[in-house]
Protein backbone atom coordinates (compact mmCIF):
# COMPACT_ATOMS: atom_id res chain seq x y z
CA MET A 1 -19.87 -25.93 -81.58
CA PHE A 2 -17.07 -24.07 -79.92
CA GLN A 3 -18.77 -20.77 -80.31
CA THR A 4 -21.82 -22.12 -78.67
CA VAL A 5 -19.73 -23.23 -75.67
CA THR A 6 -18.10 -19.96 -75.55
CA ASP A 7 -21.33 -17.86 -75.75
CA THR A 8 -22.85 -20.20 -72.87
CA LEU A 9 -19.82 -19.71 -70.98
CA ASN A 10 -19.71 -15.73 -71.11
CA LYS A 11 -23.42 -15.54 -70.03
CA GLU A 12 -22.96 -17.96 -67.35
CA ASN A 13 -19.64 -16.46 -65.89
CA SER A 14 -21.57 -13.07 -65.74
CA LYS A 15 -24.18 -14.59 -63.55
CA ILE A 16 -21.83 -16.44 -61.59
CA ASP A 17 -19.53 -13.12 -60.91
CA ASP A 18 -22.50 -11.12 -59.82
CA THR A 19 -24.04 -13.92 -57.56
CA MET A 20 -20.80 -14.78 -55.91
CA LYS A 21 -19.36 -11.39 -55.52
CA ALA A 22 -22.46 -10.35 -53.87
CA ALA A 23 -22.42 -13.41 -51.54
CA ASN A 24 -18.75 -12.87 -50.65
CA LYS A 25 -18.95 -8.98 -49.77
CA HIS A 26 -21.07 -9.40 -46.92
CA GLN A 27 -19.30 -12.89 -45.69
CA LYS A 28 -18.41 -12.69 -41.87
CA GLU A 29 -14.80 -13.16 -40.92
CA PRO A 30 -13.77 -16.52 -39.64
CA SER A 31 -14.97 -17.93 -36.34
CA ASN A 32 -14.29 -20.99 -34.02
CA THR A 33 -10.93 -21.34 -36.11
CA GLU A 34 -9.08 -23.35 -33.47
CA GLN A 35 -11.55 -26.42 -34.35
CA LYS A 36 -10.74 -26.05 -37.94
CA TYR A 37 -8.18 -26.52 -40.82
CA ALA A 38 -7.19 -23.61 -42.95
CA VAL A 39 -6.86 -24.65 -46.72
CA ILE A 40 -4.78 -22.20 -48.44
CA GLY A 41 -5.57 -21.60 -52.35
CA ALA A 42 -8.80 -22.40 -54.54
CA GLY A 43 -7.07 -23.68 -57.60
CA PRO A 44 -7.50 -27.49 -58.34
CA ALA A 45 -5.26 -28.69 -55.38
CA GLY A 46 -7.34 -26.56 -53.22
CA LEU A 47 -10.64 -27.59 -54.49
CA SER A 48 -9.77 -31.20 -53.99
CA GLY A 49 -8.64 -30.63 -50.42
CA ALA A 50 -11.98 -28.74 -49.72
CA LYS A 51 -14.07 -31.24 -51.10
CA ALA A 52 -12.04 -34.11 -49.27
CA LEU A 53 -12.15 -32.55 -46.01
CA LYS A 54 -16.01 -31.81 -46.26
CA GLU A 55 -16.70 -35.64 -47.42
CA VAL A 56 -15.27 -36.96 -44.18
CA GLY A 57 -16.68 -34.09 -41.80
CA ILE A 58 -13.60 -31.99 -41.32
CA GLU A 59 -14.34 -28.43 -40.55
CA PHE A 60 -12.29 -25.79 -42.66
CA ASP A 61 -11.93 -22.24 -43.90
CA GLY A 62 -10.42 -21.62 -47.25
CA PHE A 63 -8.45 -18.80 -48.23
CA GLU A 64 -7.94 -17.37 -51.95
CA MET A 65 -6.13 -14.24 -52.72
CA GLY A 66 -8.17 -13.88 -56.12
CA SER A 67 -11.72 -13.08 -56.51
CA ASP A 68 -12.89 -16.43 -57.16
CA PHE A 69 -12.09 -20.31 -57.70
CA GLY A 70 -9.65 -21.37 -60.40
CA GLY A 71 -6.04 -20.63 -59.30
CA LEU A 72 -3.86 -19.49 -62.06
CA TRP A 73 -6.65 -20.98 -64.75
CA ASN A 74 -8.61 -18.12 -63.55
CA ILE A 75 -6.90 -14.99 -65.55
CA LYS A 76 -8.64 -12.35 -63.47
CA ASN A 77 -6.68 -13.62 -60.35
CA PRO A 78 -3.82 -11.60 -59.42
CA LEU A 79 -1.03 -14.36 -59.52
CA SER A 80 -2.76 -16.02 -62.81
CA THR A 81 0.11 -17.10 -65.44
CA MET A 82 -2.59 -17.43 -68.23
CA TYR A 83 -2.24 -15.89 -71.47
CA GLU A 84 -5.15 -15.24 -74.28
CA SER A 85 -4.11 -18.41 -76.14
CA ALA A 86 -3.51 -20.91 -73.28
CA HIS A 87 -4.98 -24.34 -73.39
CA LEU A 88 -4.95 -27.61 -71.74
CA ILE A 89 -1.93 -29.60 -73.03
CA SER A 90 -3.61 -32.97 -71.65
CA SER A 91 -7.14 -33.72 -73.05
CA LYS A 92 -10.03 -33.21 -71.12
CA THR A 93 -10.67 -36.90 -70.43
CA THR A 94 -7.40 -37.53 -68.82
CA THR A 95 -7.44 -34.25 -66.82
CA GLU A 96 -10.76 -34.04 -65.45
CA PHE A 97 -12.07 -35.07 -61.83
CA LYS A 98 -13.77 -38.47 -62.19
CA ASP A 99 -17.01 -37.14 -60.14
CA PHE A 100 -17.18 -34.14 -62.24
CA PRO A 101 -16.75 -34.72 -65.98
CA MET A 102 -16.44 -31.75 -68.17
CA PRO A 103 -19.26 -31.18 -70.52
CA GLU A 104 -19.66 -33.43 -73.64
CA ASN A 105 -19.81 -30.54 -75.98
CA ALA A 106 -16.63 -29.11 -74.38
CA PRO A 107 -13.53 -29.24 -76.88
CA ASP A 108 -10.67 -31.80 -76.33
CA TYR A 109 -8.39 -29.29 -75.29
CA PRO A 110 -10.07 -26.61 -73.22
CA SER A 111 -9.19 -22.97 -73.18
CA HIS A 112 -8.20 -21.46 -69.81
CA LYS A 113 -11.76 -19.56 -69.86
CA LEU A 114 -13.49 -22.93 -69.99
CA MET A 115 -11.14 -24.42 -67.34
CA ALA A 116 -12.06 -21.34 -64.82
CA LYS A 117 -15.49 -22.09 -65.39
CA TYR A 118 -15.28 -25.79 -64.83
CA PHE A 119 -13.65 -25.24 -61.60
CA ILE A 120 -16.41 -22.52 -60.56
CA ASP A 121 -19.04 -24.99 -61.57
CA TYR A 122 -17.04 -27.62 -59.35
CA ALA A 123 -16.91 -25.41 -56.58
CA LYS A 124 -20.75 -24.72 -56.82
CA ASN A 125 -21.88 -28.31 -57.28
CA PHE A 126 -20.22 -29.55 -54.34
CA LYS A 127 -20.89 -26.34 -52.28
CA LEU A 128 -17.70 -25.03 -51.30
CA TYR A 129 -18.16 -21.43 -51.66
CA ASP A 130 -19.60 -21.10 -47.99
CA GLN A 131 -16.46 -22.21 -46.68
CA TYR A 132 -14.06 -19.95 -48.80
CA TYR A 133 -12.98 -16.52 -48.00
CA PHE A 134 -11.67 -14.49 -51.40
CA HIS A 135 -9.60 -11.48 -51.78
CA SER A 136 -7.87 -12.98 -48.51
CA LYS A 137 -3.79 -13.08 -48.72
CA ILE A 138 -1.91 -15.45 -46.41
CA GLU A 139 0.72 -13.21 -44.87
CA SER A 140 2.34 -15.86 -42.62
CA VAL A 141 1.79 -19.35 -41.26
CA GLU A 142 3.68 -19.99 -37.91
CA LYS A 143 3.45 -22.98 -35.45
CA GLN A 144 2.17 -21.94 -32.19
CA GLY A 145 2.54 -24.93 -29.73
CA GLU A 146 0.48 -28.00 -31.43
CA GLN A 147 -1.48 -25.56 -33.54
CA TRP A 148 -0.94 -22.91 -36.31
CA LYS A 149 -0.99 -19.40 -36.27
CA VAL A 150 -2.39 -17.93 -39.72
CA LYS A 151 -2.07 -14.29 -40.59
CA VAL A 152 -4.53 -13.22 -43.31
CA SER A 153 -5.03 -9.58 -44.84
CA HIS A 154 -8.30 -8.74 -46.49
CA PRO A 155 -8.99 -5.44 -48.23
CA GLU A 156 -11.98 -4.58 -45.97
CA ARG A 157 -11.35 -6.58 -42.84
CA GLY A 158 -7.64 -5.63 -42.63
CA THR A 159 -4.96 -7.97 -41.27
CA LYS A 160 -5.92 -10.41 -38.59
CA THR A 161 -4.29 -13.56 -37.08
CA TYR A 162 -6.29 -16.80 -36.51
CA ILE A 163 -5.37 -20.14 -34.68
CA TYR A 164 -6.15 -23.16 -36.76
CA LYS A 165 -6.06 -26.88 -35.80
CA GLY A 166 -4.13 -27.53 -38.96
CA VAL A 167 -3.04 -26.17 -42.29
CA VAL A 168 -3.40 -27.46 -45.79
CA ILE A 169 -1.08 -25.64 -48.19
CA ALA A 170 -2.45 -25.67 -51.81
CA ASN A 171 -1.31 -22.43 -53.45
CA GLY A 172 0.26 -24.01 -56.53
CA THR A 173 3.72 -24.38 -58.05
CA LEU A 174 3.70 -21.82 -60.82
CA ALA A 175 3.53 -18.29 -58.97
CA LYS A 176 7.16 -17.11 -58.60
CA PRO A 177 8.97 -16.61 -61.69
CA ASN A 178 12.53 -17.99 -62.21
CA ILE A 179 14.53 -15.04 -63.47
CA PRO A 180 17.93 -16.11 -64.60
CA SER A 181 20.95 -13.64 -64.88
CA PHE A 182 22.79 -13.11 -68.29
CA LYS A 183 26.02 -11.29 -69.08
CA GLY A 184 25.79 -7.81 -70.26
CA GLU A 185 22.56 -5.69 -70.45
CA PHE A 186 19.88 -5.72 -73.01
CA THR A 187 18.21 -2.19 -73.52
CA GLY A 188 15.08 -3.47 -75.25
CA GLN A 189 11.88 -4.89 -73.34
CA ILE A 190 12.35 -7.93 -71.01
CA ILE A 191 9.41 -9.66 -69.59
CA HIS A 192 8.71 -13.14 -67.75
CA SER A 193 6.16 -15.40 -69.47
CA SER A 194 3.99 -14.92 -66.39
CA GLU A 195 3.55 -11.36 -67.37
CA TYR A 196 2.61 -12.38 -70.94
CA LYS A 197 -1.18 -11.87 -71.94
CA LYS A 198 -1.97 -10.80 -75.39
CA ALA A 199 -0.06 -11.53 -78.73
CA ALA A 200 -0.75 -8.06 -79.66
CA SER A 201 1.93 -6.96 -77.56
CA PHE A 202 4.29 -8.30 -80.11
CA GLU A 203 3.06 -6.16 -82.98
CA GLY A 204 6.00 -5.18 -85.22
CA LYS A 205 8.68 -6.01 -82.83
CA ARG A 206 11.75 -8.30 -83.19
CA VAL A 207 11.06 -11.01 -80.45
CA LEU A 208 13.10 -13.58 -78.78
CA VAL A 209 11.58 -16.30 -76.54
CA ILE A 210 14.19 -17.89 -74.16
CA GLY A 211 13.07 -21.22 -73.19
CA ALA A 212 11.19 -23.91 -75.18
CA GLY A 213 8.94 -25.55 -72.63
CA ASN A 214 5.09 -25.57 -73.27
CA SER A 215 4.65 -21.96 -72.54
CA GLY A 216 7.66 -20.84 -74.42
CA CYS A 217 6.60 -22.90 -77.67
CA ASP A 218 2.95 -21.41 -77.16
CA ILE A 219 4.15 -17.85 -77.10
CA VAL A 220 6.70 -17.95 -79.89
CA VAL A 221 3.83 -19.29 -82.03
CA ASP A 222 1.69 -16.54 -80.99
CA ALA A 223 4.59 -14.06 -81.97
CA VAL A 224 4.68 -15.47 -85.55
CA HIS A 225 1.31 -13.83 -86.33
CA HIS A 226 2.23 -10.30 -84.87
CA ALA A 227 5.95 -9.77 -84.70
CA GLN A 228 8.46 -8.56 -87.36
CA LYS A 229 10.66 -11.35 -86.20
CA ALA A 230 10.08 -14.52 -84.00
CA ASP A 231 13.01 -16.40 -82.67
CA ILE A 232 13.54 -19.01 -79.89
CA SER A 233 16.51 -19.74 -77.70
CA VAL A 234 17.15 -23.16 -76.27
CA ARG A 235 19.94 -24.82 -74.27
CA ARG A 236 18.51 -28.36 -74.08
CA GLY A 237 16.85 -30.90 -76.39
CA TYR A 238 13.03 -31.53 -76.22
CA TYR A 239 10.50 -34.20 -77.09
CA PHE A 240 7.62 -32.94 -78.93
CA VAL A 241 4.19 -34.86 -78.45
CA PRO A 242 1.59 -34.10 -81.08
CA LYS A 243 -1.89 -33.12 -79.36
CA TYR A 244 -3.66 -35.79 -81.86
CA VAL A 245 -2.88 -39.04 -83.13
CA PHE A 246 -5.07 -40.81 -85.90
CA GLY A 247 -7.57 -38.02 -85.11
CA LYS A 248 -7.75 -38.65 -81.16
CA PRO A 249 -6.07 -36.87 -78.52
CA SER A 250 -2.69 -38.55 -78.20
CA ASP A 251 -2.77 -39.21 -74.42
CA THR A 252 -6.00 -41.45 -75.13
CA ILE A 253 -4.17 -43.61 -77.39
CA GLY A 254 -2.26 -46.62 -76.28
CA GLY A 255 -1.61 -47.93 -72.67
CA LYS A 256 -3.55 -51.32 -72.93
CA ILE A 257 -0.23 -53.01 -73.54
CA LYS A 258 2.32 -52.52 -70.71
CA LEU A 259 5.95 -52.74 -71.87
CA PRO A 260 9.09 -52.65 -69.76
CA ARG A 261 10.16 -49.07 -69.12
CA SER A 262 13.50 -48.95 -71.34
CA LEU A 263 11.63 -50.70 -74.31
CA LYS A 264 8.65 -48.20 -74.02
CA GLN A 265 11.14 -45.23 -73.93
CA LYS A 266 12.78 -46.66 -77.32
CA PHE A 267 9.18 -47.47 -78.94
CA ASP A 268 7.69 -44.40 -78.07
CA ASN A 269 10.50 -42.06 -79.29
CA MET A 270 10.53 -43.95 -82.50
CA LEU A 271 6.72 -43.32 -82.86
CA LEU A 272 7.18 -39.70 -81.92
CA LYS A 273 9.70 -39.29 -85.06
CA TRP A 274 7.24 -41.06 -87.12
CA PHE A 275 4.67 -38.20 -86.44
CA THR A 276 6.66 -35.19 -85.80
CA GLY A 277 9.85 -35.93 -87.39
CA ASP A 278 13.35 -35.54 -85.69
CA PRO A 279 13.43 -32.14 -83.64
CA GLU A 280 17.33 -31.96 -84.62
CA ARG A 281 16.41 -31.62 -88.06
CA PHE A 282 14.35 -28.36 -87.10
CA GLY A 283 17.48 -26.98 -85.02
CA PHE A 284 16.65 -28.20 -81.66
CA PRO A 285 19.64 -30.02 -79.83
CA LYS A 286 19.56 -33.76 -79.49
CA PRO A 287 18.03 -34.40 -75.92
CA LYS A 288 20.68 -35.58 -73.50
CA TYR A 289 18.24 -37.73 -71.58
CA LYS A 290 15.66 -40.53 -72.46
CA MET A 291 12.12 -40.21 -73.32
CA TYR A 292 9.67 -39.17 -70.01
CA GLU A 293 12.80 -38.34 -67.98
CA SER A 294 11.60 -34.68 -68.38
CA HIS A 295 8.20 -33.13 -68.94
CA PRO A 296 7.62 -33.43 -72.75
CA VAL A 297 6.45 -30.33 -74.95
CA VAL A 298 2.99 -31.04 -76.43
CA ASN A 299 3.00 -28.40 -79.17
CA THR A 300 4.08 -29.43 -82.75
CA LEU A 301 2.97 -26.16 -84.27
CA ILE A 302 6.20 -24.86 -83.32
CA LEU A 303 7.67 -27.58 -85.85
CA HIS A 304 5.07 -26.54 -88.22
CA HIS A 305 6.23 -22.51 -88.28
CA ILE A 306 9.89 -23.66 -88.07
CA GLY A 307 9.39 -25.69 -91.23
CA GLN A 308 7.81 -22.57 -92.83
CA GLY A 309 10.62 -20.33 -91.93
CA ASP A 310 8.46 -18.37 -89.32
CA ILE A 311 10.50 -19.11 -86.54
CA GLU A 312 14.45 -19.52 -86.21
CA VAL A 313 16.03 -21.72 -83.35
CA GLN A 314 18.75 -20.22 -81.69
CA LYS A 315 21.35 -21.49 -79.33
CA ASP A 316 21.99 -20.79 -75.72
CA ILE A 317 22.58 -17.20 -74.75
CA ASP A 318 26.14 -15.99 -74.33
CA ARG A 319 25.77 -12.21 -73.55
CA PHE A 320 23.53 -8.90 -74.13
CA GLU A 321 24.81 -5.79 -75.53
CA GLY A 322 22.12 -3.40 -75.96
CA LYS A 323 19.49 -4.70 -78.34
CA THR A 324 22.18 -7.54 -79.78
CA VAL A 325 21.83 -10.87 -78.35
CA HIS A 326 24.87 -12.89 -78.87
CA PHE A 327 24.56 -16.74 -78.86
CA LYS A 328 26.84 -19.34 -77.98
CA ASP A 329 27.42 -20.56 -81.43
CA GLY A 330 28.77 -17.33 -82.35
CA LYS A 331 25.84 -16.04 -83.98
CA SER A 332 23.93 -12.47 -82.75
CA ALA A 333 20.61 -10.81 -83.80
CA GLN A 334 18.90 -7.86 -82.76
CA TYR A 335 15.70 -7.87 -80.75
CA ASP A 336 13.15 -5.41 -79.51
CA MET A 337 11.70 -7.71 -76.81
CA ILE A 338 12.69 -10.71 -74.89
CA VAL A 339 10.24 -12.96 -73.17
CA LEU A 340 11.83 -15.24 -70.62
CA ALA A 341 9.92 -18.46 -70.64
CA THR A 342 12.26 -19.82 -68.03
CA GLY A 343 10.03 -21.42 -65.43
CA TYR A 344 9.37 -21.03 -62.04
CA LYS A 345 10.58 -21.42 -58.63
CA LEU A 346 8.94 -23.45 -56.05
CA ASP A 347 7.81 -21.00 -53.44
CA PHE A 348 5.58 -21.01 -50.18
CA PRO A 349 6.15 -17.18 -49.36
CA PHE A 350 3.97 -17.28 -46.29
CA ILE A 351 5.73 -19.96 -44.39
CA ASP A 352 9.22 -20.77 -43.20
CA LYS A 353 11.23 -23.35 -45.00
CA LYS A 354 12.23 -24.79 -41.63
CA TYR A 355 8.49 -25.72 -40.97
CA LEU A 356 8.41 -27.65 -44.58
CA ASN A 357 11.48 -29.97 -43.84
CA TRP A 358 12.82 -28.45 -47.01
CA SER A 359 15.49 -30.14 -48.51
CA GLY A 360 17.54 -29.25 -51.58
CA MET A 361 15.09 -27.91 -54.14
CA ALA A 362 11.92 -28.82 -52.65
CA PRO A 363 10.54 -29.81 -49.37
CA ASP A 364 11.01 -33.23 -48.35
CA LEU A 365 7.68 -34.62 -47.63
CA TYR A 366 6.28 -38.11 -47.82
CA LEU A 367 4.37 -38.69 -50.84
CA LYS A 368 5.11 -35.16 -51.71
CA ILE A 369 2.50 -34.40 -49.14
CA PHE A 370 3.23 -35.26 -45.27
CA HIS A 371 5.56 -33.68 -42.87
CA PRO A 372 7.66 -36.51 -41.27
CA GLU A 373 6.87 -34.66 -37.72
CA TYR A 374 3.78 -32.83 -37.93
CA ASP A 375 0.32 -34.39 -38.19
CA ASN A 376 -1.45 -31.11 -39.23
CA LEU A 377 0.56 -29.70 -41.83
CA PHE A 378 0.20 -30.91 -45.45
CA VAL A 379 0.98 -29.73 -48.79
CA LEU A 380 -1.28 -30.59 -51.82
CA GLY A 381 -0.61 -30.10 -55.52
CA MET A 382 3.38 -30.20 -54.89
CA VAL A 383 3.46 -32.82 -57.53
CA GLU A 384 3.97 -33.30 -61.31
CA ALA A 385 3.58 -36.37 -63.67
CA ALA A 386 2.64 -36.95 -67.22
CA GLY A 387 -1.20 -37.76 -66.90
CA LEU A 388 -1.69 -36.98 -63.32
CA GLY A 389 -4.71 -34.81 -63.99
CA TRP A 390 -6.78 -33.36 -61.30
CA GLU A 391 -8.00 -36.66 -60.25
CA GLY A 392 -4.52 -37.19 -59.12
CA ARG A 393 -4.69 -34.05 -56.89
CA TYR A 394 -8.01 -35.44 -55.54
CA GLU A 395 -6.39 -38.58 -54.53
CA GLN A 396 -3.74 -36.69 -52.60
CA ALA A 397 -6.36 -34.91 -50.82
CA LYS A 398 -8.52 -37.92 -50.10
CA LEU A 399 -5.58 -39.76 -48.30
CA VAL A 400 -5.03 -36.19 -46.43
CA ALA A 401 -8.69 -36.40 -45.31
CA ARG A 402 -8.73 -39.80 -44.34
CA TYR A 403 -5.68 -39.65 -42.45
CA ILE A 404 -6.73 -36.76 -40.37
CA LYS A 405 -10.04 -38.51 -39.59
CA GLY A 406 -8.42 -41.77 -39.25
CA LEU A 407 -6.07 -40.39 -36.20
CA GLU A 408 -9.21 -38.82 -34.75
CA LEU A 409 -10.92 -42.36 -34.63
CA ASN A 410 -7.88 -43.99 -33.55
CA ASP A 411 -7.76 -46.06 -36.63
CA THR A 412 -4.88 -48.54 -36.61
CA ALA A 413 -4.07 -48.26 -40.09
CA ALA A 414 -3.77 -44.21 -39.62
CA LYS A 415 -1.37 -44.70 -36.82
CA VAL A 416 0.80 -47.07 -38.94
CA PHE A 417 0.77 -44.69 -41.76
CA LYS A 418 1.98 -42.08 -38.93
CA LYS A 419 5.31 -44.03 -38.41
CA LYS A 420 5.68 -44.89 -42.08
CA LYS A 421 5.57 -41.01 -43.13
CA SER A 422 8.44 -40.44 -40.49
CA GLY A 423 10.58 -42.85 -42.11
CA PRO A 424 12.52 -43.25 -45.63
CA GLN A 425 10.56 -42.12 -48.79
CA PRO A 426 9.33 -44.60 -51.19
CA ASP A 427 10.81 -44.79 -54.67
CA LEU A 428 8.44 -42.68 -56.74
CA SER A 429 10.41 -42.69 -59.90
CA GLY A 430 8.93 -45.73 -61.69
CA GLY A 431 12.83 -46.56 -62.47
CA TYR A 432 12.75 -43.27 -64.80
CA ASN A 433 16.13 -41.10 -64.35
CA TYR A 434 14.40 -37.70 -64.07
CA LEU A 435 16.61 -34.75 -65.01
CA GLN A 436 17.99 -33.02 -62.01
CA LEU A 437 16.18 -29.62 -62.26
CA GLU A 438 14.27 -27.59 -59.76
CA ARG A 439 11.14 -27.76 -61.81
CA MET A 440 11.47 -31.56 -61.91
CA SER A 441 12.04 -32.02 -57.87
CA PHE A 442 8.69 -33.04 -57.38
CA TYR A 443 8.03 -34.92 -60.53
CA VAL A 444 6.95 -38.70 -60.26
CA HIS A 445 5.77 -41.68 -62.21
CA LYS A 446 2.01 -41.34 -62.43
CA ASP A 447 1.07 -45.09 -61.95
CA THR A 448 3.73 -45.68 -59.17
CA TYR A 449 2.39 -42.59 -57.46
CA ARG A 450 -1.24 -42.91 -57.85
CA GLY A 451 -1.04 -46.54 -56.83
CA LEU A 452 0.83 -45.87 -53.54
CA VAL A 453 -1.56 -43.07 -52.56
CA THR A 454 -4.64 -44.59 -53.11
CA LYS A 455 -3.56 -48.04 -51.44
CA GLU A 456 -2.75 -46.02 -48.46
CA ALA A 457 -6.10 -44.14 -48.39
CA LYS A 458 -8.04 -47.51 -48.72
CA ALA A 459 -6.46 -49.01 -45.90
CA ILE A 460 -7.73 -46.20 -43.55
CA ASN A 461 -10.81 -47.38 -41.92
CA LEU A 462 -13.58 -44.33 -41.15
CA LYS A 463 -16.31 -46.86 -40.33
CA LYS A 464 -16.43 -46.81 -36.45
């Protein structure tokens, strides 16, 4: 079945590439921009924003640095962090857009290739290509009076500046690698996981992956099949969630019985140990936080390979010395290559932090979307939660679109929301004590968050 899906994908992708590239090559430059919004990005958040604006009749131009839709899921795009073995870590039914389900014959956990095709098909289905400009890099976004000055560079049209009515930022949160500093110097090869593409690059090497998030675990498992040695260095404990429980995707099991938060944390942790064992037994530190207070690792293959002796878990790094890595427990080992699976920093490189109400590790935006002062600057996709899926991003976009349109129509609920977004933030934690890490600075409780966003969107009346 999967081979059939893949063959179809390759044929259709070739046709899409030829058609869309030809159409985009002769595309005119943006016009009448002062009456439009600029949507920055063409990944799932950008697609959500574009579709939501179009649905309520708000004109916009979309800009994407890459050659097509898909964002980081399109491995051909310049800032894509995808690698050959990358797949969804949530199942298709909990991740897909509700009004555009994935094909029935798609696997439970689609690959990045299938996901890129899905987003391209989404854009085609909702006719979003006509509004987008590809190979278009946003150089800067600055306020000009009540509007926004957007500077765009294009390989053929050069660098030009346009004035837009408003801006929707949807360029994603996984573009700027987090590169930690270490004592000493490593004389072998060091790359960040964002640079990693193929497992063949590990052939015959002694490899150390630093960081045990989802990408780190994927990559060290890849290394097992090619490397001379594959180790992983960790400094904190993790909860490992299997992709399947009783033969079904684990994120589709349960949920019908609502348990109090503290009881759910204890009960689900106990279930995990039944299915995957105790991570401490495999050499991982005991988590110093409760379940659901950080993003879980949806990968039990790493436990399988540790159990077979294919991967060795090492402690946190103490220092480098040539090709020798010294760990904090006093052990040391030699490596030819280090992969930094150390995550990403939240980054909007084209706009000054002063415009984003930046506070601490992230912009302080109402519902992670709305600036407290500006009514024409929004951020989509700066939110993360277990099970949020693409629909959660689309719900963000619907609220933005309805808010903009509601203000145009002088809707009472939209004006009430305008005051509300300038006030104190609602509690989006659902009572969970999330880890105080940069990557968790925009983490929310799914049900709490989606409930608030959809409630506010429904309150705005567009029937005038």
